Amino acid sequence: MRTQVPTLARSSAAHVLVAFAAMGGWAVFANRMHAMPAPLLAGLVQGAISGTITYFLKRTVEALSARFEGMGRLLLPPAIAFATSLAVLVTLHTLSGTPEILRTIALPLAISTGYAALYSHALWRRERT
């Protein structure tokens, strides 16, 4: 059993599935006061977006970090990730008719931006040493 945990931790598929389930579940919860199928559709949309963002976020922060120097290397990758994620989340939830867009995207956006900021900081520190 011990060897399975590190293998799962490195698995992109496991990360995508966890993001889909966790953030899709959050979207269902955030829209629970609305009639079905709105909460389920919001959950599917958010799950798909979160899974996709999770898959690409690490590589995107690395690529952006390599394009900038100094403090730009620290600050711009998470800012760009935030702006891009916000635009995608709002657009897709608007198109799909999600009733509670702000409540639906608040948690996933905070988590993805937090991850981007922490990872960007780690890359920036590694470059400085």
Protein backbone atom coordinates (compact mmCIF):
# COMPACT_ATOMS: atom_id res chain seq x y z
CA MET A 1 0.00 0.00 0.00
CA ARG A 2 2.86 2.40 0.72
CA THR A 3 4.09 2.38 -2.87
CA GLN A 4 0.62 3.25 -4.22
CA VAL A 5 0.39 6.65 -2.51
CA PRO A 6 3.50 8.17 -4.15
CA THR A 7 2.42 6.70 -7.49
CA LEU A 8 -1.04 8.27 -7.16
CA ALA A 9 0.50 11.58 -6.06
CA ARG A 10 2.47 11.71 -9.32
CA SER A 11 -0.46 10.66 -11.49
CA SER A 12 -1.90 13.44 -13.64
CA ALA A 13 -5.06 11.39 -14.12
CA ALA A 14 -5.56 11.13 -10.35
CA HIS A 15 -5.13 14.90 -9.95
CA VAL A 16 -7.61 15.59 -12.75
CA LEU A 17 -10.18 13.19 -11.30
CA VAL A 18 -9.86 14.65 -7.81
CA ALA A 19 -10.22 18.19 -9.19
CA PHE A 20 -13.26 17.12 -11.22
CA ALA A 21 -14.94 15.47 -8.24
CA ALA A 22 -14.06 18.08 -5.62
CA MET A 23 -14.77 21.24 -7.60
CA GLY A 24 -17.71 19.68 -9.46
CA GLY A 25 -19.14 18.72 -6.09
CA TRP A 26 -18.57 22.25 -4.85
CA ALA A 27 -20.47 23.65 -7.86
CA VAL A 28 -23.42 21.34 -7.15
CA PHE A 29 -23.40 22.54 -3.54
CA ALA A 30 -23.11 26.23 -4.54
CA ASN A 31 -26.17 25.87 -6.79
CA ARG A 32 -28.20 23.56 -4.54
CA MET A 33 -31.02 26.08 -4.02
CA HIS A 34 -31.93 26.00 -7.70
CA ALA A 35 -34.12 23.44 -9.44
CA MET A 36 -32.57 20.39 -11.02
CA PRO A 37 -30.79 19.94 -13.39
CA ALA A 38 -29.08 23.35 -12.90
CA PRO A 39 -26.89 22.19 -9.98
CA LEU A 40 -25.84 19.03 -11.81
CA LEU A 41 -25.01 20.92 -15.00
CA ALA A 42 -23.00 23.46 -13.00
CA GLY A 43 -21.15 20.55 -11.37
CA LEU A 44 -20.33 18.93 -14.68
CA VAL A 45 -19.17 22.20 -16.20
CA GLN A 46 -17.07 23.12 -13.17
CA GLY A 47 -15.65 19.62 -12.87
CA ALA A 48 -14.57 19.66 -16.52
CA ILE A 49 -13.03 23.12 -16.21
CA SER A 50 -11.22 22.25 -12.97
CA GLY A 51 -9.89 19.01 -14.37
CA THR A 52 -8.56 20.82 -17.43
CA ILE A 53 -7.05 23.66 -15.39
CA THR A 54 -5.44 21.16 -13.04
CA TYR A 55 -3.88 19.29 -15.95
CA PHE A 56 -2.36 22.38 -17.58
CA LEU A 57 -1.66 24.74 -14.67
CA LYS A 58 1.76 23.43 -13.61
CA ARG A 59 3.13 23.46 -17.16
CA THR A 60 1.65 26.88 -17.82
CA VAL A 61 3.25 28.43 -14.73
CA GLU A 62 6.60 26.89 -15.71
CA ALA A 63 6.35 28.22 -19.26
CA LEU A 64 5.34 31.69 -18.12
CA SER A 65 8.03 31.78 -15.46
CA ALA A 66 10.67 31.09 -18.10
CA ARG A 67 9.51 34.12 -20.13
CA PHE A 68 9.99 36.74 -17.41
CA GLU A 69 12.86 38.12 -15.34
CA GLY A 70 13.11 39.36 -11.76
CA MET A 71 9.88 40.10 -9.95
CA GLY A 72 7.93 39.49 -13.15
CA ARG A 73 8.92 35.85 -12.87
CA LEU A 74 7.32 35.77 -9.41
CA LEU A 75 4.20 37.88 -9.97
CA LEU A 76 3.12 37.54 -13.58
CA PRO A 77 2.55 33.75 -13.90
CA PRO A 78 -0.07 33.61 -11.10
CA ALA A 79 -1.65 36.87 -12.28
CA ILE A 80 -1.96 35.55 -15.83
CA ALA A 81 -3.25 32.20 -14.55
CA PHE A 82 -5.85 34.04 -12.44
CA ALA A 83 -7.02 36.26 -15.30
CA THR A 84 -7.20 33.37 -17.76
CA SER A 85 -9.01 31.09 -15.30
CA LEU A 86 -11.46 33.85 -14.40
CA ALA A 87 -12.27 34.53 -18.05
CA VAL A 88 -12.75 30.83 -18.84
CA LEU A 89 -14.85 30.17 -15.72
CA VAL A 90 -17.16 33.15 -16.19
CA THR A 91 -17.57 32.55 -19.92
CA LEU A 92 -18.33 28.84 -19.70
CA HIS A 93 -20.63 29.14 -16.70
CA THR A 94 -22.49 32.01 -18.38
CA LEU A 95 -22.89 30.01 -21.58
CA SER A 96 -24.11 26.96 -19.67
CA GLY A 97 -26.61 28.96 -17.60
CA THR A 98 -25.10 28.38 -14.16
CA PRO A 99 -27.35 30.29 -11.73
CA GLU A 100 -24.78 31.10 -9.02
CA ILE A 101 -21.66 31.95 -11.03
CA LEU A 102 -19.78 33.89 -8.35
CA ARG A 103 -20.42 31.26 -5.65
CA THR A 104 -19.57 28.50 -8.11
CA ILE A 105 -16.20 29.90 -9.20
CA ALA A 106 -14.97 31.48 -5.95
CA LEU A 107 -13.45 28.36 -4.41
CA PRO A 108 -11.95 26.81 -7.57
CA LEU A 109 -10.48 30.17 -8.61
CA ALA A 110 -8.96 30.73 -5.16
CA ILE A 111 -7.42 27.26 -5.10
CA SER A 112 -5.98 27.41 -8.62
CA THR A 113 -4.59 30.92 -8.06
CA GLY A 114 -3.13 29.91 -4.71
CA TYR A 115 -1.42 26.93 -6.31
CA ALA A 116 -0.09 29.09 -9.15
CA ALA A 117 1.26 31.64 -6.66
CA LEU A 118 2.95 29.02 -4.47
CA TYR A 119 4.46 27.18 -7.43
CA SER A 120 5.59 30.43 -9.03
CA HIS A 121 7.26 31.38 -5.75
CA ALA A 122 9.05 28.04 -5.61
CA LEU A 123 10.35 28.48 -9.16
CA TRP A 124 11.40 32.06 -8.43
CA ARG A 125 13.29 31.04 -5.28
CA ARG A 126 15.01 28.18 -7.07
CA GLU A 127 16.15 30.59 -9.80
CA ARG A 128 17.51 33.05 -7.23
CA THR A 129 19.71 30.46 -5.50
